[in-house]
Amino acid sequence: MLQSICNVICGDAQLSASLLDTYRFDHIFYTGGANGGRAVYAAAAKFLTPVTLELGGKSPSYVDSHVNIMLAARRILWSKLYNAGQTCVATDYVMCHRDVVAEFCRSTLQVLKEFLGEDPHRSPDFARIVNKFHLQRLTKLLSATKGKIICGGDSILDELYIAPTIVTDVKPDDSLMSEELFGPILPIMTVESCLQAMEFVRSRDKPLALYVFTSNKEVFSQFKQCTSSGSLSQNDCCSHMIAYELPFGGVGSSGFGRYHGKFSVDNFSHHRAVLLKTTIDTINHKALYPPYNEQKSAWVEWLLRATDRRSCAIL
């Protein structure tokens, strides 16, 4: 691609900070963690540069008592295993209704074997963690959990491998709930109702995505009305990413700004207002100019009353 169109500069965070401190950009788009997002946002303030931040976070799935449990397990687990959970919209944790939590756990074990076989380590369809630092971060979080590991848990540092891991009986203050996992570890919390699940979502940072598995329209409607997230999906995970008719982006701690499809064009565009007007001097203009009198005031009042309130009269 021509450099007049696109320049690619490879470097670390220090180089990025130097670029932001030195050059004026029309728009800055950042994808990454919240700490990096704050640094970019602060640097952009120097030149009052508009920013789009896509930050991720802990995106939950809620499994209701009225849903096809096997379907929910299959779709949630796919989102968790794709690229070993290293996507910003992967299900980070599950809130499962007490009435179906046992069935859901059994279903996830069955689906895991369907996807990756008896030994995920040998599966050609299972990715590795990006580097040793993040693998050690995951193993540290896992070693501190007070939940029950029902499968996985093992890792091989030199191979950047950590097994797909499912952890049940996870509490809100568990180590696995302390940060975005970005790995193939699936914590499962038990909730008494959809109301408890919604309250938990509202008590935490707003997620980039929220997935609700239910066949009950009222339950989904409550999530839509009572929670805030970058996106909301019913009975699926991640598919909104490829629906370019939908805007993609976060809210609150998961970022701000929208892109994909036409929303990308709008995001990187400045919508400049352009007005063309005749040079002919009309009575409209003369009414604007002093000296003012009662006749001019009455004429302007009449014009304002006659103008549709939804539009702006240009004199």
Protein backbone atom coordinates (compact mmCIF):
# COMPACT_ATOMS: atom_id res chain seq x y z
CA MET A 1 0.00 0.00 0.00
CA LEU A 2 1.24 3.51 -0.84
CA GLN A 3 2.79 5.42 2.05
CA SER A 4 0.63 8.37 1.07
CA ILE A 5 -2.32 6.21 2.13
CA CYS A 6 -0.96 4.19 5.04
CA ASN A 7 2.21 4.12 7.12
CA VAL A 8 2.97 1.22 9.45
CA ILE A 9 5.35 1.85 12.34
CA CYS A 10 6.28 -1.09 14.56
CA GLY A 11 7.37 -0.45 18.11
CA ASP A 12 6.60 -0.68 21.81
CA ALA A 13 4.49 1.43 24.14
CA GLN A 14 7.31 3.95 24.53
CA LEU A 15 7.38 4.59 20.78
CA SER A 16 3.60 4.98 20.72
CA ALA A 17 3.79 7.50 23.55
CA SER A 18 6.45 9.46 21.66
CA LEU A 19 4.34 9.57 18.49
CA LEU A 20 1.28 10.76 20.38
CA ASP A 21 3.29 13.43 22.17
CA THR A 22 4.92 14.73 18.98
CA TYR A 23 2.40 14.61 16.16
CA ARG A 24 -1.11 15.93 15.66
CA PHE A 25 -3.50 13.24 14.43
CA ASP A 26 -7.03 13.73 13.13
CA HIS A 27 -8.21 10.67 15.05
CA ILE A 28 -6.64 8.04 17.29
CA PHE A 29 -7.96 4.47 17.36
CA TYR A 30 -6.69 2.23 20.15
CA THR A 31 -7.35 -1.43 20.87
CA GLY A 32 -5.99 -2.90 24.09
CA GLY A 33 -6.29 -2.85 27.85
CA ALA A 34 -7.81 -0.18 30.07
CA ASN A 35 -4.47 1.12 31.37
CA GLY A 36 -3.17 1.64 27.85
CA GLY A 37 -6.46 3.26 26.91
CA ARG A 38 -6.14 5.78 29.72
CA ALA A 39 -2.60 6.64 28.60
CA VAL A 40 -3.72 7.15 25.00
CA TYR A 41 -6.70 9.24 26.09
CA ALA A 42 -4.48 11.44 28.26
CA ALA A 43 -1.97 11.92 25.43
CA ALA A 44 -4.76 12.79 22.99
CA ALA A 45 -5.95 15.55 25.31
CA LYS A 46 -2.78 17.55 24.58
CA PHE A 47 -4.00 18.28 21.05
CA LEU A 48 -7.72 17.70 21.73
CA THR A 49 -7.64 14.76 19.33
CA PRO A 50 -10.79 12.62 19.12
CA VAL A 51 -10.25 9.04 20.23
CA THR A 52 -11.86 5.64 19.76
CA LEU A 53 -11.03 3.15 22.51
CA GLU A 54 -11.80 -0.57 22.23
CA LEU A 55 -10.79 -1.94 25.61
CA GLY A 56 -12.50 -5.27 26.24
CA GLY A 57 -13.22 -6.37 29.80
CA LYS A 58 -15.03 -9.28 31.42
CA SER A 59 -17.88 -10.12 29.03
CA PRO A 60 -20.38 -12.44 30.75
CA SER A 61 -22.84 -15.04 29.52
CA TYR A 62 -26.06 -15.71 31.42
CA VAL A 63 -27.66 -19.15 31.06
CA ASP A 64 -31.34 -19.09 31.97
CA SER A 65 -33.42 -22.02 33.15
CA HIS A 66 -35.53 -21.74 29.98
CA VAL A 67 -33.10 -22.51 27.18
CA ASN A 68 -31.57 -25.37 25.20
CA ILE A 69 -28.66 -26.13 27.54
CA MET A 70 -26.59 -28.08 25.03
CA LEU A 71 -26.91 -25.27 22.50
CA ALA A 72 -25.84 -22.74 25.12
CA ALA A 73 -22.85 -24.87 26.16
CA ARG A 74 -21.73 -25.34 22.57
CA ARG A 75 -21.91 -21.66 21.64
CA ILE A 76 -20.37 -20.39 24.87
CA LEU A 77 -17.55 -22.90 24.79
CA TRP A 78 -16.78 -22.10 21.15
CA SER A 79 -16.35 -18.43 22.06
CA LYS A 80 -14.08 -19.43 24.94
CA LEU A 81 -11.91 -21.85 22.96
CA TYR A 82 -11.54 -19.82 19.77
CA ASN A 83 -7.90 -18.66 19.73
CA ALA A 84 -7.65 -20.11 23.24
CA GLY A 85 -9.97 -17.42 24.57
CA GLN A 86 -7.73 -14.60 23.37
CA THR A 87 -10.40 -12.41 21.79
CA CYS A 88 -11.93 -9.27 23.25
CA VAL A 89 -15.50 -10.57 22.92
CA ALA A 90 -15.00 -14.10 24.25
CA THR A 91 -17.23 -15.15 27.13
CA ASP A 92 -15.14 -14.35 30.19
CA TYR A 93 -17.39 -16.06 32.74
CA VAL A 94 -20.82 -17.67 32.99
CA MET A 95 -23.68 -16.88 35.34
CA CYS A 96 -25.84 -20.00 35.31
CA HIS A 97 -29.30 -20.39 36.83
CA ARG A 98 -29.25 -22.77 39.79
CA ASP A 99 -31.90 -25.04 38.26
CA VAL A 100 -29.70 -25.93 35.26
CA VAL A 101 -26.13 -25.44 36.48
CA ALA A 102 -25.44 -29.17 36.88
CA GLU A 103 -26.76 -29.92 33.39
CA PHE A 104 -24.79 -27.03 31.93
CA CYS A 105 -21.54 -28.25 33.50
CA ARG A 106 -22.08 -31.76 32.14
CA SER A 107 -22.84 -30.31 28.73
CA THR A 108 -19.64 -28.25 28.66
CA LEU A 109 -17.58 -31.37 29.37
CA GLN A 110 -19.33 -33.20 26.55
CA VAL A 111 -18.89 -30.31 24.12
CA LEU A 112 -15.22 -29.98 25.02
CA LYS A 113 -14.62 -33.57 23.94
CA GLU A 114 -16.59 -32.99 20.74
CA PHE A 115 -14.46 -29.98 19.87
CA LEU A 116 -10.97 -31.05 20.92
CA GLY A 117 -11.08 -34.79 21.62
CA GLU A 118 -9.83 -36.61 24.69
CA ASP A 119 -6.50 -34.75 24.70
CA PRO A 120 -6.77 -31.03 23.83
CA HIS A 121 -2.98 -30.77 23.96
CA ARG A 122 -2.79 -32.80 20.75
CA SER A 123 -5.67 -31.10 18.99
CA PRO A 124 -4.68 -29.09 15.88
CA ASP A 125 -7.70 -26.88 16.54
CA PHE A 126 -6.56 -25.50 19.89
CA ALA A 127 -4.30 -22.45 19.97
CA ARG A 128 -1.53 -21.47 22.38
CA ILE A 129 -1.14 -18.45 24.65
CA VAL A 130 0.66 -15.52 23.06
CA ASN A 131 3.67 -15.49 25.42
CA LYS A 132 5.05 -16.80 28.71
CA PHE A 133 4.08 -13.70 30.66
CA HIS A 134 0.39 -14.17 29.94
CA LEU A 135 0.56 -17.92 30.46
CA GLN A 136 2.08 -17.38 33.90
CA ARG A 137 -0.58 -14.76 34.63
CA LEU A 138 -3.29 -17.32 33.86
CA THR A 139 -1.70 -20.09 35.92
CA LYS A 140 -1.32 -17.70 38.85
CA LEU A 141 -5.00 -16.76 38.72
CA LEU A 142 -5.97 -20.41 38.42
CA SER A 143 -3.79 -21.50 41.34
CA ALA A 144 -5.51 -18.94 43.57
CA THR A 145 -9.09 -19.90 42.72
CA LYS A 146 -11.34 -21.29 45.41
CA GLY A 147 -13.66 -22.77 42.82
CA LYS A 148 -13.80 -26.41 41.79
CA ILE A 149 -11.78 -27.34 38.69
CA ILE A 150 -13.81 -30.02 36.88
CA CYS A 151 -11.48 -30.32 33.88
CA GLY A 152 -8.13 -28.98 32.71
CA GLY A 153 -5.89 -26.92 34.93
CA ASP A 154 -2.58 -28.22 33.61
CA SER A 155 -0.10 -26.19 31.58
CA ILE A 156 3.27 -26.47 29.81
CA LEU A 157 5.21 -23.22 29.97
CA ASP A 158 7.72 -23.95 27.21
CA GLU A 159 4.90 -24.82 24.81
CA LEU A 160 2.74 -21.84 25.86
CA TYR A 161 0.00 -24.37 26.55
CA ILE A 162 -2.73 -24.25 29.13
CA ALA A 163 -5.51 -26.80 28.97
CA PRO A 164 -9.12 -25.74 28.46
CA THR A 165 -10.27 -25.36 32.04
CA ILE A 166 -13.76 -25.25 33.53
CA VAL A 167 -14.17 -24.05 37.10
CA THR A 168 -17.47 -24.29 39.00
CA ASP A 169 -18.72 -22.85 42.31
CA VAL A 170 -16.91 -19.58 41.59
CA LYS A 171 -17.72 -16.67 43.90
CA PRO A 172 -17.75 -12.96 42.98
CA ASP A 173 -14.52 -12.30 44.91
CA ASP A 174 -12.62 -15.21 43.35
CA SER A 175 -9.23 -14.63 41.72
CA LEU A 176 -10.73 -15.61 38.35
CA MET A 177 -13.16 -12.70 38.65
CA SER A 178 -10.50 -10.09 39.40
CA GLU A 179 -9.52 -9.25 35.81
CA GLU A 180 -10.20 -10.10 32.19
CA LEU A 181 -8.94 -13.65 31.71
CA PHE A 182 -8.11 -13.60 27.98
CA GLY A 183 -7.50 -17.33 28.04
CA PRO A 184 -9.27 -20.73 27.90
CA ILE A 185 -10.46 -20.69 31.52
CA LEU A 186 -14.24 -20.67 32.05
CA PRO A 187 -15.46 -19.73 35.55
CA ILE A 188 -19.09 -20.68 36.24
CA MET A 189 -21.05 -18.81 38.90
CA THR A 190 -24.40 -20.06 40.20
CA VAL A 191 -27.20 -17.49 40.44
CA GLU A 192 -30.69 -17.81 41.84
CA SER A 193 -32.42 -15.78 39.13
CA CYS A 194 -31.97 -13.52 36.14
CA LEU A 195 -32.45 -10.58 38.51
CA GLN A 196 -29.40 -11.63 40.53
CA ALA A 197 -27.41 -11.97 37.30
CA MET A 198 -28.44 -8.49 36.15
CA GLU A 199 -27.58 -7.00 39.52
CA PHE A 200 -24.13 -8.58 39.34
CA VAL A 201 -23.53 -7.17 35.85
CA ARG A 202 -24.60 -3.71 37.02
CA SER A 203 -22.26 -3.88 40.02
CA ARG A 204 -19.18 -4.24 37.83
CA ASP A 205 -17.52 -2.34 35.00
CA LYS A 206 -19.65 -2.23 31.86
CA PRO A 207 -18.62 -5.11 29.58
CA LEU A 208 -17.81 -4.97 25.89
CA ALA A 209 -20.35 -7.74 25.24
CA LEU A 210 -23.17 -9.39 27.16
CA TYR A 211 -24.68 -12.72 26.10
CA VAL A 212 -28.07 -13.90 27.34
CA PHE A 213 -29.13 -17.48 26.67
CA THR A 214 -32.87 -17.75 27.18
CA SER A 215 -36.03 -18.62 25.26
CA ASN A 216 -38.00 -16.30 27.54
CA LYS A 217 -38.59 -12.98 25.77
CA GLU A 218 -39.32 -11.24 29.05
CA VAL A 219 -35.97 -12.27 30.52
CA PHE A 220 -34.08 -10.91 27.52
CA SER A 221 -36.16 -7.74 27.59
CA GLN A 222 -35.18 -7.18 31.22
CA PHE A 223 -31.49 -7.51 30.36
CA LYS A 224 -31.95 -5.07 27.50
CA GLN A 225 -33.65 -2.50 29.71
CA CYS A 226 -31.71 -2.92 32.95
CA THR A 227 -28.07 -3.42 31.92
CA SER A 228 -25.48 -1.50 29.94
CA SER A 229 -22.87 -3.09 27.66
CA GLY A 230 -21.14 -2.44 24.37
CA SER A 231 -23.35 -5.05 22.71
CA LEU A 232 -26.10 -7.46 23.75
CA SER A 233 -26.82 -10.81 22.10
CA GLN A 234 -29.49 -13.43 22.67
CA ASN A 235 -28.57 -17.12 22.39
CA ASP A 236 -25.20 -16.60 20.71
CA CYS A 237 -21.68 -15.33 21.30
CA CYS A 238 -19.44 -13.19 19.09
CA SER A 239 -21.66 -13.26 15.98
CA HIS A 240 -22.35 -9.54 16.28
CA MET A 241 -18.69 -9.02 15.34
CA ILE A 242 -19.39 -10.04 11.73
CA ALA A 243 -22.75 -8.30 11.41
CA TYR A 244 -21.53 -5.14 9.73
CA GLU A 245 -24.98 -3.61 9.87
CA LEU A 246 -24.39 -3.33 13.64
CA PRO A 247 -22.06 -0.84 15.32
CA PHE A 248 -19.25 -2.38 17.36
CA GLY A 249 -17.65 -0.79 20.40
CA GLY A 250 -17.63 -0.51 24.15
CA VAL A 251 -19.16 1.68 26.82
CA GLY A 252 -17.64 2.98 30.02
CA SER A 253 -14.60 0.94 31.02
CA SER A 254 -14.88 -1.21 27.89
CA GLY A 255 -14.25 1.83 25.68
CA PHE A 256 -16.16 4.24 23.50
CA GLY A 257 -16.68 4.95 19.82
CA ARG A 258 -18.36 2.78 17.19
CA TYR A 259 -17.06 1.15 14.03
CA HIS A 260 -17.69 -1.63 11.47
CA GLY A 261 -19.31 -1.04 8.11
CA LYS A 262 -20.73 2.44 7.64
CA PHE A 263 -20.10 3.16 11.31
CA SER A 264 -16.34 3.01 10.59
CA VAL A 265 -16.70 5.67 7.89
CA ASP A 266 -18.71 7.84 10.26
CA ASN A 267 -16.25 7.24 13.09
CA PHE A 268 -13.29 8.51 11.09
CA SER A 269 -15.19 11.34 9.40
CA HIS A 270 -15.78 14.91 10.41
CA HIS A 271 -19.35 15.81 9.54
CA ARG A 272 -18.85 19.42 8.50
CA ALA A 273 -21.89 21.63 8.05
CA VAL A 274 -21.83 23.53 4.73
CA LEU A 275 -24.34 26.32 4.02
CA LEU A 276 -24.75 28.01 0.63
CA LYS A 277 -26.65 31.28 0.49
CA THR A 278 -27.56 33.85 -2.13
CA THR A 279 -25.92 37.28 -2.29
CA ILE A 280 -29.27 38.90 -3.00
CA ASP A 281 -30.29 41.11 -0.08
CA THR A 282 -33.82 40.21 0.97
CA ILE A 283 -36.29 41.41 3.54
CA ASN A 284 -35.23 38.46 5.69
CA HIS A 285 -31.78 39.96 6.04
CA LYS A 286 -33.00 43.50 6.51
CA ALA A 287 -35.08 42.37 9.47
CA LEU A 288 -31.87 41.23 11.17
CA TYR A 289 -30.09 44.53 10.98
CA PRO A 290 -30.49 47.51 13.29
CA PRO A 291 -32.07 49.85 13.94
CA TYR A 292 -34.82 47.66 15.40
CA ASN A 293 -38.45 48.68 15.79
CA GLU A 294 -41.79 47.17 16.71
CA GLN A 295 -42.55 46.22 13.10
CA LYS A 296 -39.34 44.17 12.80
CA SER A 297 -39.96 42.51 16.17
CA ALA A 298 -43.50 41.57 15.18
CA TRP A 299 -42.28 40.15 11.86
CA VAL A 300 -39.61 37.99 13.56
CA GLU A 301 -42.12 36.73 16.14
CA TRP A 302 -44.53 35.76 13.35
CA LEU A 303 -41.76 33.94 11.49
CA LEU A 304 -40.74 31.96 14.56
CA ARG A 305 -44.34 30.92 15.26
CA ALA A 306 -44.82 29.87 11.66
CA THR A 307 -41.64 27.80 11.58
CA ASP A 308 -41.82 24.11 12.46
CA ARG A 309 -40.33 23.78 15.94
CA ARG A 310 -38.31 20.77 14.85
CA SER A 311 -36.27 22.84 12.38
CA CYS A 312 -34.14 25.94 12.57
CA ALA A 313 -35.15 29.05 10.64
CA ILE A 314 -32.25 30.59 8.72
CA LEU A 315 -32.92 34.28 8.21
